[in-house]
Structure formats: structure tokens, C-alpha cells
Amino acid sequence: MPDCAQSSEEDFNRSNPPRQKMSISRFVILMLIVVVALYSLAVLTTFIRTGTREAHNATQREKIKQNLKQIGIALQNYHAQEAEQKRHIQINEPLQEQVAPRSD
């Protein structure tokens, strides 16, 4: 008659894999999770850097536009002043300071 304790132990060994195989599969799963997390972090960092670079470039373009606008206004003011001076020189009248009209 077979021993009941011995057969149940054999069944237990067949149904449960050895501890070493179980720990290796856990290690592999853990490593895969870590690799996926690091890869995701790298991708997110790349997206953030790209977005930041685009925002920086847009800011630079706006600064350049504003500078060009200021240069254009300065050139128009200079041209208007030169035209006014030439007009006064041609008619031989002294150039006067332009004063804003007073409101009483």
C-alpha cells in the first residue's frame, strides 16, 4: 500500500515549480518593468525638450518682430524730422521746438 504522505508530496512538487525558476521569472518581469519605465521617461523627456525648444524659438521670433517694428518706427521718425528740417532750411525760417498746445 503506497504511503499517502509520499504521494501528496510528489503531487505538490509537480504542481509547484522550484523556487529558483520562480525567482528568475520574477526578476525578469521586474527588469522588464524597469526598462519600460526608463524608456517611457526618455520619451517624455524628449517630448518636453522639443516643446520647450519650440516655445523658445517662438519667443525669439516675437522679439525679432518687435525689434524690426521699433527700427521701422525709428526710421519713420528720423525721416519725418529730416523732411521737417529741410523744409525749414528751404524757406529760411528758424526751426522751432514743437510744443503741445495748452488746454486752459
PDB file of N, CA and C in Angstrom:
ATOM      1  N   MET A   1       0.840  -1.172   0.000  1.00  0.00           N
ATOM      2  CA  MET A   1       0.000   0.000   0.000  1.00  0.00           C
ATOM      3  C   MET A   1       0.884   1.232   0.000  1.00  0.00           C
ATOM      4  N   PRO A   2       0.685   2.104  -0.929  1.00  0.00           N
ATOM      5  CA  PRO A   2       1.546   3.278  -1.017  1.00  0.00           C
ATOM      6  C   PRO A   2       1.259   4.205   0.152  1.00  0.00           C
ATOM      7  N   ASP A   3       2.325   4.885   0.498  1.00  0.00           N
ATOM      8  CA  ASP A   3       2.223   5.830   1.609  1.00  0.00           C
ATOM      9  C   ASP A   3       1.506   7.090   1.118  1.00  0.00           C
ATOM     10  N   CYS A   4       0.487   7.504   1.822  1.00  0.00           N
ATOM     11  CA  CYS A   4      -0.322   8.651   1.423  1.00  0.00           C
ATOM     12  C   CYS A   4       0.473   9.946   1.522  1.00  0.00           C
ATOM     13  N   ALA A   5       1.349  10.081   2.483  1.00  0.00           N
ATOM     14  CA  ALA A   5       2.143  11.294   2.659  1.00  0.00           C
ATOM     15  C   ALA A   5       3.129  11.456   1.524  1.00  0.00           C
ATOM     16  N   GLN A   6       3.690  10.322   1.066  1.00  0.00           N
ATOM     17  CA  GLN A   6       4.665  10.394  -0.010  1.00  0.00           C
ATOM     18  C   GLN A   6       4.002  10.808  -1.321  1.00  0.00           C
ATOM     19  N   SER A   7       2.846  10.306  -1.640  1.00  0.00           N
ATOM     20  CA  SER A   7       2.184  10.646  -2.889  1.00  0.00           C
ATOM     21  C   SER A   7       1.724  12.110  -2.888  1.00  0.00           C
ATOM     22  N   SER A   8       1.276  12.616  -1.765  1.00  0.00           N
ATOM     23  CA  SER A   8       0.853  14.008  -1.728  1.00  0.00           C
ATOM     24  C   SER A   8       2.056  14.937  -1.891  1.00  0.00           C
ATOM     25  N   GLU A   9       3.209  14.527  -1.401  1.00  0.00           N
ATOM     26  CA  GLU A   9       4.437  15.340  -1.557  1.00  0.00           C
ATOM     27  C   GLU A   9       4.856  15.370  -3.017  1.00  0.00           C
ATOM     28  N   GLU A  10       4.744  14.243  -3.710  1.00  0.00           N
ATOM     29  CA  GLU A  10       5.087  14.197  -5.129  1.00  0.00           C
ATOM     30  C   GLU A  10       4.133  15.074  -5.945  1.00  0.00           C
ATOM     31  N   ASP A  11       2.849  15.013  -5.606  1.00  0.00           N
ATOM     32  CA  ASP A  11       1.874  15.869  -6.288  1.00  0.00           C
ATOM     33  C   ASP A  11       2.192  17.344  -6.071  1.00  0.00           C
ATOM     34  N   PHE A  12       2.588  17.656  -4.851  1.00  0.00           N
ATOM     35  CA  PHE A  12       2.926  19.043  -4.527  1.00  0.00           C
ATOM     36  C   PHE A  12       4.122  19.505  -5.337  1.00  0.00           C
ATOM     37  N   ASN A  13       5.141  18.666  -5.462  1.00  0.00           N
ATOM     38  CA  ASN A  13       6.347  19.024  -6.223  1.00  0.00           C
ATOM     39  C   ASN A  13       6.036  19.200  -7.704  1.00  0.00           C
ATOM     40  N   ARG A  14       5.116  18.377  -8.239  1.00  0.00           N
ATOM     41  CA  ARG A  14       4.765  18.502  -9.648  1.00  0.00           C
ATOM     42  C   ARG A  14       3.971  19.786  -9.928  1.00  0.00           C
ATOM     43  N   SER A  15       3.102  20.168  -8.991  1.00  0.00           N
ATOM     44  CA  SER A  15       2.254  21.322  -9.220  1.00  0.00           C
ATOM     45  C   SER A  15       2.966  22.649  -8.985  1.00  0.00           C
ATOM     46  N   ASN A  16       3.955  22.672  -8.123  1.00  0.00           N
ATOM     47  CA  ASN A  16       4.685  23.911  -7.834  1.00  0.00           C
ATOM     48  C   ASN A  16       6.090  23.854  -8.424  1.00  0.00           C
ATOM     49  N   PRO A  17       6.447  24.821  -9.244  1.00  0.00           N
ATOM     50  CA  PRO A  17       7.804  24.818  -9.801  1.00  0.00           C
ATOM     51  C   PRO A  17       8.817  25.117  -8.695  1.00  0.00           C
ATOM     52  N   PRO A  18      10.041  24.786  -8.947  1.00  0.00           N
ATOM     53  CA  PRO A  18      11.076  25.064  -7.935  1.00  0.00           C
ATOM     54  C   PRO A  18      11.201  26.564  -7.686  1.00  0.00           C
ATOM     55  N   ARG A  19      11.663  26.898  -6.524  1.00  0.00           N
ATOM     56  CA  ARG A  19      11.795  28.296  -6.119  1.00  0.00           C
ATOM     57  C   ARG A  19      12.740  29.080  -7.029  1.00  0.00           C
ATOM     58  N   GLN A  20      13.785  28.450  -7.497  1.00  0.00           N
ATOM     59  CA  GLN A  20      14.767  29.147  -8.317  1.00  0.00           C
ATOM     60  C   GLN A  20      14.140  29.635  -9.614  1.00  0.00           C
ATOM     61  N   LYS A  21      13.345  28.821 -10.278  1.00  0.00           N
ATOM     62  CA  LYS A  21      12.701  29.239 -11.517  1.00  0.00           C
ATOM     63  C   LYS A  21      11.715  30.370 -11.259  1.00  0.00           C
ATOM     64  N   MET A  22      11.023  30.306 -10.157  1.00  0.00           N
ATOM     65  CA  MET A  22      10.053  31.332  -9.825  1.00  0.00           C
ATOM     66  C   MET A  22      10.747  32.672  -9.580  1.00  0.00           C
ATOM     67  N   SER A  23      11.860  32.657  -8.878  1.00  0.00           N
ATOM     68  CA  SER A  23      12.558  33.907  -8.596  1.00  0.00           C
ATOM     69  C   SER A  23      13.178  34.498  -9.860  1.00  0.00           C
ATOM     70  N   ILE A  24      13.630  33.657 -10.792  1.00  0.00           N
ATOM     71  CA  ILE A  24      14.199  34.152 -12.046  1.00  0.00           C
ATOM     72  C   ILE A  24      13.099  34.811 -12.879  1.00  0.00           C
ATOM     73  N   SER A  25      11.930  34.197 -12.964  1.00  0.00           N
ATOM     74  CA  SER A  25      10.856  34.798 -13.756  1.00  0.00           C
ATOM     75  C   SER A  25      10.406  36.113 -13.124  1.00  0.00           C
ATOM     76  N   ARG A  26      10.376  36.197 -11.798  1.00  0.00           N
ATOM     77  CA  ARG A  26      10.041  37.450 -11.139  1.00  0.00           C
ATOM     78  C   ARG A  26      11.086  38.517 -11.441  1.00  0.00           C
ATOM     79  N   PHE A  27      12.346  38.113 -11.438  1.00  0.00           N
ATOM     80  CA  PHE A  27      13.428  39.042 -11.743  1.00  0.00           C
ATOM     81  C   PHE A  27      13.296  39.573 -13.173  1.00  0.00           C
ATOM     82  N   VAL A  28      12.984  38.699 -14.101  1.00  0.00           N
ATOM     83  CA  VAL A  28      12.833  39.097 -15.499  1.00  0.00           C
ATOM     84  C   VAL A  28      11.666  40.069 -15.646  1.00  0.00           C
ATOM     85  N   ILE A  29      10.561  39.783 -14.996  1.00  0.00           N
ATOM     86  CA  ILE A  29       9.407  40.678 -15.061  1.00  0.00           C
ATOM     87  C   ILE A  29       9.753  42.030 -14.459  1.00  0.00           C
ATOM     88  N   LEU A  30      10.434  42.018 -13.331  1.00  0.00           N
ATOM     89  CA  LEU A  30      10.841  43.268 -12.690  1.00  0.00           C
ATOM     90  C   LEU A  30      11.770  44.062 -13.600  1.00  0.00           C
ATOM     91  N   MET A  31      12.707  43.414 -14.244  1.00  0.00           N
ATOM     92  CA  MET A  31      13.631  44.096 -15.145  1.00  0.00           C
ATOM     93  C   MET A  31      12.887  44.677 -16.351  1.00  0.00           C
ATOM     94  N   LEU A  32      11.921  43.947 -16.870  1.00  0.00           N
ATOM     95  CA  LEU A  32      11.132  44.464 -17.984  1.00  0.00           C
ATOM     96  C   LEU A  32      10.353  45.714 -17.574  1.00  0.00           C
ATOM     97  N   ILE A  33       9.797  45.704 -16.374  1.00  0.00           N
ATOM     98  CA  ILE A  33       9.072  46.871 -15.886  1.00  0.00           C
ATOM     99  C   ILE A  33      10.015  48.066 -15.761  1.00  0.00           C
ATOM    100  N   VAL A  34      11.218  47.838 -15.242  1.00  0.00           N
ATOM    101  CA  VAL A  34      12.193  48.921 -15.089  1.00  0.00           C
ATOM    102  C   VAL A  34      12.613  49.466 -16.452  1.00  0.00           C
ATOM    103  N   VAL A  35      12.854  48.584 -17.407  1.00  0.00           N
ATOM    104  CA  VAL A  35      13.269  49.021 -18.748  1.00  0.00           C
ATOM    105  C   VAL A  35      12.155  49.826 -19.413  1.00  0.00           C
ATOM    106  N   VAL A  36      10.924  49.377 -19.297  1.00  0.00           N
ATOM    107  CA  VAL A  36       9.801  50.107 -19.888  1.00  0.00           C
ATOM    108  C   VAL A  36       9.649  51.478 -19.221  1.00  0.00           C
ATOM    109  N   ALA A  37       9.817  51.527 -17.905  1.00  0.00           N
ATOM    110  CA  ALA A  37       9.709  52.805 -17.196  1.00  0.00           C
ATOM    111  C   ALA A  37      10.805  53.772 -17.649  1.00  0.00           C
ATOM    112  N   LEU A  38      12.027  53.293 -17.783  1.00  0.00           N
ATOM    113  CA  LEU A  38      13.127  54.159 -18.232  1.00  0.00           C
ATOM    114  C   LEU A  38      12.918  54.627 -19.667  1.00  0.00           C
ATOM    115  N   TYR A  39      12.440  53.740 -20.509  1.00  0.00           N
ATOM    116  CA  TYR A  39      12.175  54.112 -21.896  1.00  0.00           C
ATOM    117  C   TYR A  39      11.079  55.175 -21.958  1.00  0.00           C
ATOM    118  N   SER A  40      10.040  54.992 -21.169  1.00  0.00           N
ATOM    119  CA  SER A  40       8.957  55.980 -21.131  1.00  0.00           C
ATOM    120  C   SER A  40       9.467  57.328 -20.645  1.00  0.00           C
ATOM    121  N   LEU A  41      10.324  57.306 -19.643  1.00  0.00           N
ATOM    122  CA  LEU A  41      10.898  58.542 -19.125  1.00  0.00           C
ATOM    123  C   LEU A  41      11.733  59.239 -20.192  1.00  0.00           C
ATOM    124  N   ALA A  42      12.487  58.481 -20.960  1.00  0.00           N
ATOM    125  CA  ALA A  42      13.310  59.073 -22.022  1.00  0.00           C
ATOM    126  C   ALA A  42      12.423  59.695 -23.107  1.00  0.00           C
ATOM    127  N   VAL A  43      11.355  59.020 -23.467  1.00  0.00           N
ATOM    128  CA  VAL A  43      10.456  59.540 -24.498  1.00  0.00           C
ATOM    129  C   VAL A  43       9.785  60.814 -24.009  1.00  0.00           C
ATOM    130  N   LEU A  44       9.306  60.824 -22.770  1.00  0.00           N
ATOM    131  CA  LEU A  44       8.667  62.017 -22.223  1.00  0.00           C
ATOM    132  C   LEU A  44       9.644  63.183 -22.151  1.00  0.00           C
ATOM    133  N   THR A  45      10.879  62.911 -21.762  1.00  0.00           N
ATOM    134  CA  THR A  45      11.888  63.960 -21.704  1.00  0.00           C
ATOM    135  C   THR A  45      12.130  64.549 -23.086  1.00  0.00           C
ATOM    136  N   THR A  46      12.164  63.699 -24.098  1.00  0.00           N
ATOM    137  CA  THR A  46      12.354  64.170 -25.468  1.00  0.00           C
ATOM    138  C   THR A  46      11.204  65.076 -25.897  1.00  0.00           C
ATOM    139  N   PHE A  47       9.972  64.668 -25.593  1.00  0.00           N
ATOM    140  CA  PHE A  47       8.823  65.498 -25.944  1.00  0.00           C
ATOM    141  C   PHE A  47       8.865  66.832 -25.227  1.00  0.00           C
ATOM    142  N   ILE A  48       9.225  66.828 -23.967  1.00  0.00           N
ATOM    143  CA  ILE A  48       9.280  68.070 -23.197  1.00  0.00           C
ATOM    144  C   ILE A  48      10.359  68.990 -23.754  1.00  0.00           C
ATOM    145  N   ARG A  49      11.519  68.443 -24.075  1.00  0.00           N
ATOM    146  CA  ARG A  49      12.592  69.267 -24.644  1.00  0.00           C
ATOM    147  C   ARG A  49      12.186  69.858 -25.981  1.00  0.00           C
ATOM    148  N   THR A  50      11.517  69.065 -26.809  1.00  0.00           N
ATOM    149  CA  THR A  50      11.071  69.554 -28.106  1.00  0.00           C
ATOM    150  C   THR A  50      10.081  70.696 -27.932  1.00  0.00           C
ATOM    151  N   GLY A  51       9.130  70.528 -27.020  1.00  0.00           N
ATOM    152  CA  GLY A  51       8.155  71.582 -26.768  1.00  0.00           C
ATOM    153  C   GLY A  51       8.799  72.839 -26.234  1.00  0.00           C
ATOM    154  N   THR A  52       9.760  72.685 -25.346  1.00  0.00           N
ATOM    155  CA  THR A  52      10.460  73.837 -24.785  1.00  0.00           C
ATOM    156  C   THR A  52      11.248  74.558 -25.868  1.00  0.00           C
ATOM    157  N   ARG A  53      11.890  73.807 -26.733  1.00  0.00           N
ATOM    158  CA  ARG A  53      12.667  74.408 -27.817  1.00  0.00           C
ATOM    159  C   ARG A  53      11.748  75.187 -28.759  1.00  0.00           C
ATOM    160  N   GLU A  54      10.577  74.611 -29.060  1.00  0.00           N
ATOM    161  CA  GLU A  54       9.623  75.297 -29.942  1.00  0.00           C
ATOM    162  C   GLU A  54       9.150  76.600 -29.303  1.00  0.00           C
ATOM    163  N   ALA A  55       8.876  76.567 -28.011  1.00  0.00           N
ATOM    164  CA  ALA A  55       8.434  77.784 -27.318  1.00  0.00           C
ATOM    165  C   ALA A  55       9.542  78.832 -27.322  1.00  0.00           C
ATOM    166  N   HIS A  56      10.774  78.395 -27.131  1.00  0.00           N
ATOM    167  CA  HIS A  56      11.904  79.326 -27.142  1.00  0.00           C
ATOM    168  C   HIS A  56      12.050  79.970 -28.521  1.00  0.00           C
ATOM    169  N   ASN A  57      11.924  79.160 -29.563  1.00  0.00           N
ATOM    170  CA  ASN A  57      12.029  79.694 -30.928  1.00  0.00           C
ATOM    171  C   ASN A  57      10.911  80.687 -31.223  1.00  0.00           C
ATOM    172  N   ALA A  58       9.701  80.384 -30.761  1.00  0.00           N
ATOM    173  CA  ALA A  58       8.582  81.307 -30.973  1.00  0.00           C
ATOM    174  C   ALA A  58       8.836  82.625 -30.253  1.00  0.00           C
ATOM    175  N   THR A  59       9.376  82.550 -29.055  1.00  0.00           N
ATOM    176  CA  THR A  59       9.694  83.766 -28.304  1.00  0.00           C
ATOM    177  C   THR A  59      10.748  84.587 -29.034  1.00  0.00           C
ATOM    178  N   GLN A  60      11.757  83.924 -29.554  1.00  0.00           N
ATOM    179  CA  GLN A  60      12.813  84.625 -30.303  1.00  0.00           C
ATOM    180  C   GLN A  60      12.232  85.310 -31.534  1.00  0.00           C
ATOM    181  N   ARG A  61      11.322  84.620 -32.256  1.00  0.00           N
ATOM    182  CA  ARG A  61      10.701  85.227 -33.430  1.00  0.00           C
ATOM    183  C   ARG A  61       9.917  86.478 -33.047  1.00  0.00           C
ATOM    184  N   GLU A  62       9.195  86.418 -31.937  1.00  0.00           N
ATOM    185  CA  GLU A  62       8.427  87.589 -31.498  1.00  0.00           C
ATOM    186  C   GLU A  62       9.350  88.748 -31.127  1.00  0.00           C
ATOM    187  N   LYS A  63      10.469  88.449 -30.473  1.00  0.00           N
ATOM    188  CA  LYS A  63      11.430  89.502 -30.128  1.00  0.00           C
ATOM    189  C   LYS A  63      11.985  90.161 -31.387  1.00  0.00           C
ATOM    190  N   ILE A  64      12.306  89.345 -32.375  1.00  0.00           N
ATOM    191  CA  ILE A  64      12.841  89.873 -33.629  1.00  0.00           C
ATOM    192  C   ILE A  64      11.805  90.757 -34.321  1.00  0.00           C
ATOM    193  N   LYS A  65      10.529  90.309 -34.330  1.00  0.00           N
ATOM    194  CA  LYS A  65       9.472  91.123 -34.938  1.00  0.00           C
ATOM    195  C   LYS A  65       9.342  92.473 -34.233  1.00  0.00           C
ATOM    196  N   GLN A  66       9.373  92.450 -32.909  1.00  0.00           N
ATOM    197  CA  GLN A  66       9.245  93.694 -32.152  1.00  0.00           C
ATOM    198  C   GLN A  66      10.427  94.621 -32.416  1.00  0.00           C
ATOM    199  N   ASN A  67      11.631  94.051 -32.485  1.00  0.00           N
ATOM    200  CA  ASN A  67      12.812  94.868 -32.777  1.00  0.00           C
ATOM    201  C   ASN A  67      12.725  95.497 -34.163  1.00  0.00           C
ATOM    202  N   LEU A  68      12.295  94.720 -35.150  1.00  0.00           N
ATOM    203  CA  LEU A  68      12.148  95.265 -36.501  1.00  0.00           C
ATOM    204  C   LEU A  68      11.084  96.357 -36.541  1.00  0.00           C
ATOM    205  N   LYS A  69      10.012  96.155 -35.790  1.00  0.00           N
ATOM    206  CA  LYS A  69       8.967  97.179 -35.726  1.00  0.00           C
ATOM    207  C   LYS A  69       9.520  98.469 -35.117  1.00  0.00           C
ATOM    208  N   GLN A  70      10.296  98.354 -34.047  1.00  0.00           N
ATOM    209  CA  GLN A  70      10.891  99.536 -33.410  1.00  0.00           C
ATOM    210  C   GLN A  70      11.864 100.242 -34.356  1.00  0.00           C
ATOM    211  N   ILE A  71      12.635  99.457 -35.103  1.00  0.00           N
ATOM    212  CA  ILE A  71      13.568 100.049 -36.072  1.00  0.00           C
ATOM    213  C   ILE A  71      12.779 100.798 -37.142  1.00  0.00           C
ATOM    214  N   GLY A  72      11.671 100.210 -37.625  1.00  0.00           N
ATOM    215  CA  GLY A  72      10.835 100.871 -38.635  1.00  0.00           C
ATOM    216  C   GLY A  72      10.257 102.182 -38.129  1.00  0.00           C
ATOM    217  N   ILE A  73       9.771 102.164 -36.877  1.00  0.00           N
ATOM    218  CA  ILE A  73       9.218 103.398 -36.291  1.00  0.00           C
ATOM    219  C   ILE A  73      10.314 104.454 -36.157  1.00  0.00           C
ATOM    220  N   ALA A  74      11.505 104.027 -35.724  1.00  0.00           N
ATOM    221  CA  ALA A  74      12.611 104.975 -35.580  1.00  0.00           C
ATOM    222  C   ALA A  74      12.993 105.579 -36.932  1.00  0.00           C
ATOM    223  N   LEU A  75      13.019 104.755 -37.975  1.00  0.00           N
ATOM    224  CA  LEU A  75      13.347 105.269 -39.307  1.00  0.00           C
ATOM    225  C   LEU A  75      12.281 106.252 -39.805  1.00  0.00           C
ATOM    226  N   GLN A  76      11.016 105.952 -39.549  1.00  0.00           N
ATOM    227  CA  GLN A  76       9.955 106.875 -39.954  1.00  0.00           C
ATOM    228  C   GLN A  76      10.082 108.204 -39.215  1.00  0.00           C
ATOM    229  N   ASN A  77      10.371 108.138 -37.916  1.00  0.00           N
ATOM    230  CA  ASN A  77      10.544 109.372 -37.140  1.00  0.00           C
ATOM    231  C   ASN A  77      11.739 110.177 -37.646  1.00  0.00           C
ATOM    232  N   TYR A  78      12.828 109.481 -37.932  1.00  0.00           N
ATOM    233  CA  TYR A  78      14.023 110.157 -38.445  1.00  0.00           C
ATOM    234  C   TYR A  78      13.714 110.822 -39.788  1.00  0.00           C
ATOM    235  N   HIS A  79      13.038 110.098 -40.660  1.00  0.00           N
ATOM    236  CA  HIS A  79      12.703 110.631 -41.975  1.00  0.00           C
ATOM    237  C   HIS A  79      11.791 111.855 -41.840  1.00  0.00           C
ATOM    238  N   ALA A  80      10.826 111.781 -40.954  1.00  0.00           N
ATOM    239  CA  ALA A  80       9.915 112.915 -40.756  1.00  0.00           C
ATOM    240  C   ALA A  80      10.675 114.127 -40.217  1.00  0.00           C
ATOM    241  N   GLN A  81      11.609 113.920 -39.313  1.00  0.00           N
ATOM    242  CA  GLN A  81      12.401 115.031 -38.774  1.00  0.00           C
ATOM    243  C   GLN A  81      13.282 115.645 -39.847  1.00  0.00           C
ATOM    244  N   GLU A  82      13.926 114.803 -40.634  1.00  0.00           N
ATOM    245  CA  GLU A  82      14.785 115.300 -41.711  1.00  0.00           C
ATOM    246  C   GLU A  82      13.969 116.106 -42.723  1.00  0.00           C
ATOM    247  N   ALA A  83      12.797 115.630 -43.060  1.00  0.00           N
ATOM    248  CA  ALA A  83      11.941 116.351 -44.015  1.00  0.00           C
ATOM    249  C   ALA A  83      11.540 117.698 -43.428  1.00  0.00           C
ATOM    250  N   GLU A  84      11.232 117.737 -42.147  1.00  0.00           N
ATOM    251  CA  GLU A  84      10.859 118.999 -41.498  1.00  0.00           C
ATOM    252  C   GLU A  84      12.038 119.969 -41.488  1.00  0.00           C
ATOM    253  N   GLN A  85      13.225 119.476 -41.198  1.00  0.00           N
ATOM    254  CA  GLN A  85      14.405 120.350 -41.190  1.00  0.00           C
ATOM    255  C   GLN A  85      14.685 120.887 -42.586  1.00  0.00           C
ATOM    256  N   LYS A  86      14.581 120.054 -43.606  1.00  0.00           N
ATOM    257  CA  LYS A  86      14.830 120.502 -44.977  1.00  0.00           C
ATOM    258  C   LYS A  86      13.818 121.562 -45.390  1.00  0.00           C
ATOM    259  N   ARG A  87      12.565 121.393 -44.968  1.00  0.00           N
ATOM    260  CA  ARG A  87      11.532 122.363 -45.308  1.00  0.00           C
ATOM    261  C   ARG A  87      11.852 123.725 -44.678  1.00  0.00           C
ATOM    262  N   HIS A  88      12.308 123.731 -43.433  1.00  0.00           N
ATOM    263  CA  HIS A  88      12.649 124.982 -42.760  1.00  0.00           C
ATOM    264  C   HIS A  88      13.889 125.616 -43.369  1.00  0.00           C
ATOM    265  N   ILE A  89      14.821 124.804 -43.797  1.00  0.00           N
ATOM    266  CA  ILE A  89      16.035 125.347 -44.412  1.00  0.00           C
ATOM    267  C   ILE A  89      15.687 125.983 -45.766  1.00  0.00           C
ATOM    268  N   GLN A  90      14.803 125.373 -46.524  1.00  0.00           N
ATOM    269  CA  GLN A  90      14.445 125.888 -47.841  1.00  0.00           C
ATOM    270  C   GLN A  90      13.723 127.235 -47.750  1.00  0.00           C
ATOM    271  N   ILE A  91      12.902 127.426 -46.732  1.00  0.00           N
ATOM    272  CA  ILE A  91      12.169 128.692 -46.648  1.00  0.00           C
ATOM    273  C   ILE A  91      12.840 129.675 -45.685  1.00  0.00           C
ATOM    274  N   ASN A  92      14.027 129.353 -45.233  1.00  0.00           N
ATOM    275  CA  ASN A  92      14.833 130.216 -44.368  1.00  0.00           C
ATOM    276  C   ASN A  92      14.111 130.678 -43.098  1.00  0.00           C
ATOM    277  N   GLU A  93      13.417 129.824 -42.476  1.00  0.00           N
ATOM    278  CA  GLU A  93      12.829 130.184 -41.185  1.00  0.00           C
ATOM    279  C   GLU A  93      13.475 129.305 -40.117  1.00  0.00           C
ATOM    280  N   PRO A  94      13.614 129.844 -38.932  1.00  0.00           N
ATOM    281  CA  PRO A  94      14.270 129.053 -37.884  1.00  0.00           C
ATOM    282  C   PRO A  94      13.404 127.858 -37.473  1.00  0.00           C
ATOM    283  N   LEU A  95      14.098 126.835 -37.122  1.00  0.00           N
ATOM    284  CA  LEU A  95      13.422 125.613 -36.674  1.00  0.00           C
ATOM    285  C   LEU A  95      12.986 125.822 -35.235  1.00  0.00           C
ATOM    286  N   GLN A  96      11.725 125.646 -34.969  1.00  0.00           N
ATOM    287  CA  GLN A  96      11.210 125.877 -33.625  1.00  0.00           C
ATOM    288  C   GLN A  96      10.903 124.530 -32.969  1.00  0.00           C
ATOM    289  N   GLU A  97      10.974 124.591 -31.657  1.00  0.00           N
ATOM    290  CA  GLU A  97      10.592 123.414 -30.890  1.00  0.00           C
ATOM    291  C   GLU A  97       9.087 123.239 -31.015  1.00  0.00           C
ATOM    292  N   GLN A  98       8.671 122.073 -31.224  1.00  0.00           N
ATOM    293  CA  GLN A  98       7.243 121.822 -31.283  1.00  0.00           C
ATOM    294  C   GLN A  98       6.747 121.590 -29.871  1.00  0.00           C
ATOM    295  N   VAL A  99       5.808 122.428 -29.459  1.00  0.00           N
ATOM    296  CA  VAL A  99       5.253 122.332 -28.113  1.00  0.00           C
ATOM    297  C   VAL A  99       3.795 121.937 -28.234  1.00  0.00           C
ATOM    298  N   ALA A 100       3.384 121.033 -27.356  1.00  0.00           N
ATOM    299  CA  ALA A 100       1.990 120.608 -27.385  1.00  0.00           C
ATOM    300  C   ALA A 100       1.102 121.793 -27.003  1.00  0.00           C
ATOM    301  N   PRO A 101      -0.030 121.947 -27.669  1.00  0.00           N
ATOM    302  CA  PRO A 101      -0.931 123.062 -27.325  1.00  0.00           C
ATOM    303  C   PRO A 101      -1.465 122.902 -25.900  1.00  0.00           C
ATOM    304  N   ARG A 102      -1.535 124.054 -25.218  1.00  0.00           N
ATOM    305  CA  ARG A 102      -2.026 124.021 -23.842  1.00  0.00           C
ATOM    306  C   ARG A 102      -3.541 124.089 -23.841  1.00  0.00           C
ATOM    307  N   SER A 103      -4.114 123.338 -22.968  1.00  0.00           N
ATOM    308  CA  SER A 103      -5.562 123.419 -22.800  1.00  0.00           C
ATOM    309  C   SER A 103      -5.835 124.191 -21.513  1.00  0.00           C
ATOM    310  N   ASP A 104      -6.527 125.306 -21.649  1.00  0.00           N
ATOM    311  CA  ASP A 104      -6.812 126.161 -20.485  1.00  0.00           C
ATOM    312  C   ASP A 104      -8.067 125.746 -19.773  1.00  0.00           C
TER     313      ASP A 104
END
